[in-house]
């Protein structure tokens, strides 16, 4: 991705996160009829907090997200951050949860992938577009964050 494209993507992500937080998820809490959460990770290089809006699927008490990166050859930075430091924060509406991330097992992915594709059809095209195996990431709640 070019530097200009990265800058535009960062601006859109920041604007989405700002609107989501300002409205408690009432605006920007759904995209393509799918629910959106904000995932905050710790940058593996910078150590800074990084927030990204992601589509998610509720699987019992866990949340499933897809590290598709739009079918790019590389994994998304947020997934690389989680592989280095699996502890993260999730915001759903005005709720904040501490989570621990892990890649779905083959059995979990086999069960969840059709549900994720039903929620957002382009995931299937993304997998066809890339040679890498697109991970399904399970976010397991480990506690509720304090209200600010």
C-alpha atoms as a PDB file:
ATOM      1  CA  UNK A   1       0.000   0.000   0.000  1.00  0.00           C
ATOM      2  CA  UNK A   2       1.318   3.443  -0.885  1.00  0.00           C
ATOM      3  CA  UNK A   3       2.117   6.054   1.724  1.00  0.00           C
ATOM      4  CA  UNK A   4      -0.804   8.205   0.550  1.00  0.00           C
ATOM      5  CA  UNK A   5      -3.223   5.264   0.773  1.00  0.00           C
ATOM      6  CA  UNK A   6      -1.994   4.492   4.310  1.00  0.00           C
ATOM      7  CA  UNK A   7      -2.535   8.125   5.295  1.00  0.00           C
ATOM      8  CA  UNK A   8      -6.091   8.122   3.917  1.00  0.00           C
ATOM      9  CA  UNK A   9      -6.833   4.790   5.603  1.00  0.00           C
ATOM     10  CA  UNK A  10      -5.519   6.133   8.936  1.00  0.00           C
ATOM     11  CA  UNK A  11      -7.668   9.286   8.592  1.00  0.00           C
ATOM     12  CA  UNK A  12     -10.811   7.239   7.882  1.00  0.00           C
ATOM     13  CA  UNK A  13     -10.055   4.876  10.782  1.00  0.00           C
ATOM     14  CA  UNK A  14      -9.488   7.787  13.171  1.00  0.00           C
ATOM     15  CA  UNK A  15     -12.697   9.539  12.052  1.00  0.00           C
ATOM     16  CA  UNK A  16     -14.706   6.310  12.410  1.00  0.00           C
ATOM     17  CA  UNK A  17     -13.318   5.702  15.905  1.00  0.00           C
ATOM     18  CA  UNK A  18     -13.997   9.319  16.931  1.00  0.00           C
ATOM     19  CA  UNK A  19     -17.635   9.223  15.785  1.00  0.00           C
ATOM     20  CA  UNK A  20     -18.153   5.770  17.335  1.00  0.00           C
ATOM     21  CA  UNK A  21     -16.847   6.933  20.718  1.00  0.00           C
ATOM     22  CA  UNK A  22     -18.659  10.280  20.605  1.00  0.00           C
ATOM     23  CA  UNK A  23     -22.002   8.543  20.063  1.00  0.00           C
ATOM     24  CA  UNK A  24     -21.444   5.406  22.153  1.00  0.00           C
ATOM     25  CA  UNK A  25     -21.597   3.380  18.938  1.00  0.00           C
ATOM     26  CA  UNK A  26     -25.045   4.663  17.936  1.00  0.00           C
ATOM     27  CA  UNK A  27     -23.389   6.128  14.840  1.00  0.00           C
ATOM     28  CA  UNK A  28     -20.701   4.033  13.105  1.00  0.00           C
ATOM     29  CA  UNK A  29     -21.626   1.014  15.248  1.00  0.00           C
ATOM     30  CA  UNK A  30     -22.740  -0.911  12.180  1.00  0.00           C
ATOM     31  CA  UNK A  31     -21.184  -1.168   8.731  1.00  0.00           C
ATOM     32  CA  UNK A  32     -22.753  -3.186   5.913  1.00  0.00           C
ATOM     33  CA  UNK A  33     -25.431  -4.266   8.447  1.00  0.00           C
ATOM     34  CA  UNK A  34     -22.720  -5.866  10.584  1.00  0.00           C
ATOM     35  CA  UNK A  35     -21.804  -4.823  14.122  1.00  0.00           C
ATOM     36  CA  UNK A  36     -18.594  -2.898  14.706  1.00  0.00           C
ATOM     37  CA  UNK A  37     -16.316  -2.851  17.737  1.00  0.00           C
ATOM     38  CA  UNK A  38     -13.254  -0.774  18.443  1.00  0.00           C
ATOM     39  CA  UNK A  39     -10.145  -2.823  19.157  1.00  0.00           C
ATOM     40  CA  UNK A  40      -7.238  -1.117  20.912  1.00  0.00           C
ATOM     41  CA  UNK A  41      -3.906  -2.931  20.756  1.00  0.00           C
ATOM     42  CA  UNK A  42      -0.385  -2.036  21.824  1.00  0.00           C
ATOM     43  CA  UNK A  43       1.901  -1.315  18.873  1.00  0.00           C
ATOM     44  CA  UNK A  44       4.557  -4.011  18.654  1.00  0.00           C
ATOM     45  CA  UNK A  45       7.200  -1.492  17.533  1.00  0.00           C
ATOM     46  CA  UNK A  46       6.023   1.791  19.021  1.00  0.00           C
ATOM     47  CA  UNK A  47       4.435   0.584  22.257  1.00  0.00           C
ATOM     48  CA  UNK A  48       1.659   3.123  21.557  1.00  0.00           C
ATOM     49  CA  UNK A  49      -2.040   2.325  21.685  1.00  0.00           C
ATOM     50  CA  UNK A  50      -3.611   1.704  18.281  1.00  0.00           C
ATOM     51  CA  UNK A  51      -7.383   1.594  17.741  1.00  0.00           C
ATOM     52  CA  UNK A  52      -9.134   0.048  14.758  1.00  0.00           C
ATOM     53  CA  UNK A  53     -12.842  -0.438  14.027  1.00  0.00           C
ATOM     54  CA  UNK A  54     -13.604  -4.058  13.086  1.00  0.00           C
ATOM     55  CA  UNK A  55     -16.660  -6.080  12.176  1.00  0.00           C
ATOM     56  CA  UNK A  56     -17.303  -8.757  14.765  1.00  0.00           C
ATOM     57  CA  UNK A  57     -19.418 -11.797  15.461  1.00  0.00           C
ATOM     58  CA  UNK A  58     -20.582 -12.778  18.957  1.00  0.00           C
ATOM     59  CA  UNK A  59     -19.772 -16.380  19.781  1.00  0.00           C
ATOM     60  CA  UNK A  60     -21.156 -16.925  23.255  1.00  0.00           C
ATOM     61  CA  UNK A  61     -19.148 -14.662  25.542  1.00  0.00           C
ATOM     62  CA  UNK A  62     -16.313 -14.433  22.997  1.00  0.00           C
ATOM     63  CA  UNK A  63     -15.996 -12.165  19.991  1.00  0.00           C
ATOM     64  CA  UNK A  64     -14.687 -13.299  16.607  1.00  0.00           C
ATOM     65  CA  UNK A  65     -12.953 -10.946  14.179  1.00  0.00           C
ATOM     66  CA  UNK A  66     -11.264 -11.611  10.850  1.00  0.00           C
ATOM     67  CA  UNK A  67      -7.681 -10.564  10.112  1.00  0.00           C
ATOM     68  CA  UNK A  68      -8.431 -10.179   6.402  1.00  0.00           C
ATOM     69  CA  UNK A  69      -6.667  -6.897   5.611  1.00  0.00           C
ATOM     70  CA  UNK A  70      -8.925  -6.773   2.552  1.00  0.00           C
ATOM     71  CA  UNK A  71      -7.216  -9.833   1.087  1.00  0.00           C
ATOM     72  CA  UNK A  72      -3.761  -8.213   1.064  1.00  0.00           C
ATOM     73  CA  UNK A  73      -0.625 -10.357   1.102  1.00  0.00           C
ATOM     74  CA  UNK A  74       0.280  -9.123   4.597  1.00  0.00           C
ATOM     75  CA  UNK A  75      -1.544  -9.609   7.861  1.00  0.00           C
ATOM     76  CA  UNK A  76      -3.120  -6.448   9.263  1.00  0.00           C
ATOM     77  CA  UNK A  77      -0.959  -4.541  11.750  1.00  0.00           C
ATOM     78  CA  UNK A  78      -3.517  -5.032  14.545  1.00  0.00           C
ATOM     79  CA  UNK A  79      -3.141  -8.824  14.261  1.00  0.00           C
ATOM     80  CA  UNK A  80       0.656  -8.583  14.303  1.00  0.00           C
ATOM     81  CA  UNK A  81       0.333  -6.379  17.399  1.00  0.00           C
ATOM     82  CA  UNK A  82      -1.884  -8.981  19.080  1.00  0.00           C
ATOM     83  CA  UNK A  83       0.530 -11.785  18.245  1.00  0.00           C
ATOM     84  CA  UNK A  84       3.211  -9.849  20.146  1.00  0.00           C
ATOM     85  CA  UNK A  85       0.912  -8.716  22.980  1.00  0.00           C
ATOM     86  CA  UNK A  86      -2.438 -10.568  23.057  1.00  0.00           C
ATOM     87  CA  UNK A  87      -3.934  -8.321  25.730  1.00  0.00           C
ATOM     88  CA  UNK A  88      -6.228  -5.660  24.294  1.00  0.00           C
ATOM     89  CA  UNK A  89      -9.263  -3.472  24.941  1.00  0.00           C
ATOM     90  CA  UNK A  90     -12.556  -3.763  23.095  1.00  0.00           C
ATOM     91  CA  UNK A  91     -15.286  -1.139  22.982  1.00  0.00           C
ATOM     92  CA  UNK A  92     -18.804  -2.188  22.028  1.00  0.00           C
ATOM     93  CA  UNK A  93     -21.064   0.817  22.240  1.00  0.00           C
ATOM     94  CA  UNK A  94     -20.205   2.366  25.586  1.00  0.00           C
ATOM     95  CA  UNK A  95     -18.991  -0.923  27.142  1.00  0.00           C
ATOM     96  CA  UNK A  96     -15.280  -1.551  27.501  1.00  0.00           C
ATOM     97  CA  UNK A  97     -13.805  -5.016  27.943  1.00  0.00           C
ATOM     98  CA  UNK A  98     -10.301  -6.270  28.514  1.00  0.00           C
ATOM     99  CA  UNK A  99      -9.715  -9.215  26.176  1.00  0.00           C
ATOM    100  CA  UNK A 100      -7.065 -11.761  25.373  1.00  0.00           C
ATOM    101  CA  UNK A 101      -6.693 -12.575  21.684  1.00  0.00           C
ATOM    102  CA  UNK A 102      -5.795 -15.893  20.139  1.00  0.00           C
ATOM    103  CA  UNK A 103      -6.030 -17.369  16.696  1.00  0.00           C
ATOM    104  CA  UNK A 104      -9.010 -19.668  16.288  1.00  0.00           C
ATOM    105  CA  UNK A 105      -8.140 -23.344  16.222  1.00  0.00           C
ATOM    106  CA  UNK A 106      -8.831 -25.126  12.918  1.00  0.00           C
ATOM    107  CA  UNK A 107     -12.044 -26.527  14.451  1.00  0.00           C
ATOM    108  CA  UNK A 108     -13.155 -23.093  15.692  1.00  0.00           C
ATOM    109  CA  UNK A 109     -12.412 -21.518  12.312  1.00  0.00           C
ATOM    110  CA  UNK A 110     -14.304 -24.267  10.489  1.00  0.00           C
ATOM    111  CA  UNK A 111     -17.339 -23.562  12.695  1.00  0.00           C
ATOM    112  CA  UNK A 112     -17.076 -19.751  12.623  1.00  0.00           C
ATOM    113  CA  UNK A 113     -15.986 -19.029   9.034  1.00  0.00           C
ATOM    114  CA  UNK A 114     -19.404 -19.712   7.423  1.00  0.00           C
ATOM    115  CA  UNK A 115     -21.077 -17.457  10.024  1.00  0.00           C
ATOM    116  CA  UNK A 116     -18.547 -14.692   9.420  1.00  0.00           C
ATOM    117  CA  UNK A 117     -18.968 -14.954   5.642  1.00  0.00           C
ATOM    118  CA  UNK A 118     -22.775 -14.886   6.054  1.00  0.00           C
ATOM    119  CA  UNK A 119     -22.329 -11.691   8.074  1.00  0.00           C
ATOM    120  CA  UNK A 120     -19.962 -10.107   5.521  1.00  0.00           C
ATOM    121  CA  UNK A 121     -19.712 -11.848   2.139  1.00  0.00           C
ATOM    122  CA  UNK A 122     -16.482 -10.154   0.926  1.00  0.00           C
ATOM    123  CA  UNK A 123     -14.450 -12.228   3.425  1.00  0.00           C
ATOM    124  CA  UNK A 124     -14.787 -15.160   1.018  1.00  0.00           C
ATOM    125  CA  UNK A 125     -13.430 -13.046  -1.860  1.00  0.00           C
ATOM    126  CA  UNK A 126     -10.583 -11.792   0.328  1.00  0.00           C
ATOM    127  CA  UNK A 127      -9.515 -15.380   1.037  1.00  0.00           C
ATOM    128  CA  UNK A 128      -9.560 -16.173  -2.691  1.00  0.00           C
ATOM    129  CA  UNK A 129      -7.496 -13.054  -3.424  1.00  0.00           C
ATOM    130  CA  UNK A 130      -4.586 -13.960  -1.140  1.00  0.00           C
ATOM    131  CA  UNK A 131      -2.347 -16.970  -0.703  1.00  0.00           C
ATOM    132  CA  UNK A 132      -2.089 -16.516   3.051  1.00  0.00           C
ATOM    133  CA  UNK A 133      -4.555 -18.223   5.342  1.00  0.00           C
ATOM    134  CA  UNK A 134      -6.753 -15.446   6.730  1.00  0.00           C
ATOM    135  CA  UNK A 135      -6.920 -15.886  10.504  1.00  0.00           C
ATOM    136  CA  UNK A 136     -10.080 -15.787  12.546  1.00  0.00           C
ATOM    137  CA  UNK A 137      -9.180 -14.174  15.849  1.00  0.00           C
ATOM    138  CA  UNK A 138     -11.034 -14.965  19.060  1.00  0.00           C
ATOM    139  CA  UNK A 139     -11.228 -12.153  21.606  1.00  0.00           C
ATOM    140  CA  UNK A 140     -11.880 -13.705  25.020  1.00  0.00           C
ATOM    141  CA  UNK A 141     -13.094 -11.280  27.713  1.00  0.00           C
ATOM    142  CA  UNK A 142     -10.918 -11.250  30.822  1.00  0.00           C
ATOM    143  CA  UNK A 143     -12.615  -8.358  32.615  1.00  0.00           C
ATOM    144  CA  UNK A 144     -14.721  -5.252  32.331  1.00  0.00           C
ATOM    145  CA  UNK A 145     -12.788  -2.020  32.134  1.00  0.00           C
ATOM    146  CA  UNK A 146     -13.550   0.797  34.539  1.00  0.00           C
ATOM    147  CA  UNK A 147     -15.901   3.459  33.267  1.00  0.00           C
ATOM    148  CA  UNK A 148     -14.187   6.773  32.579  1.00  0.00           C
END
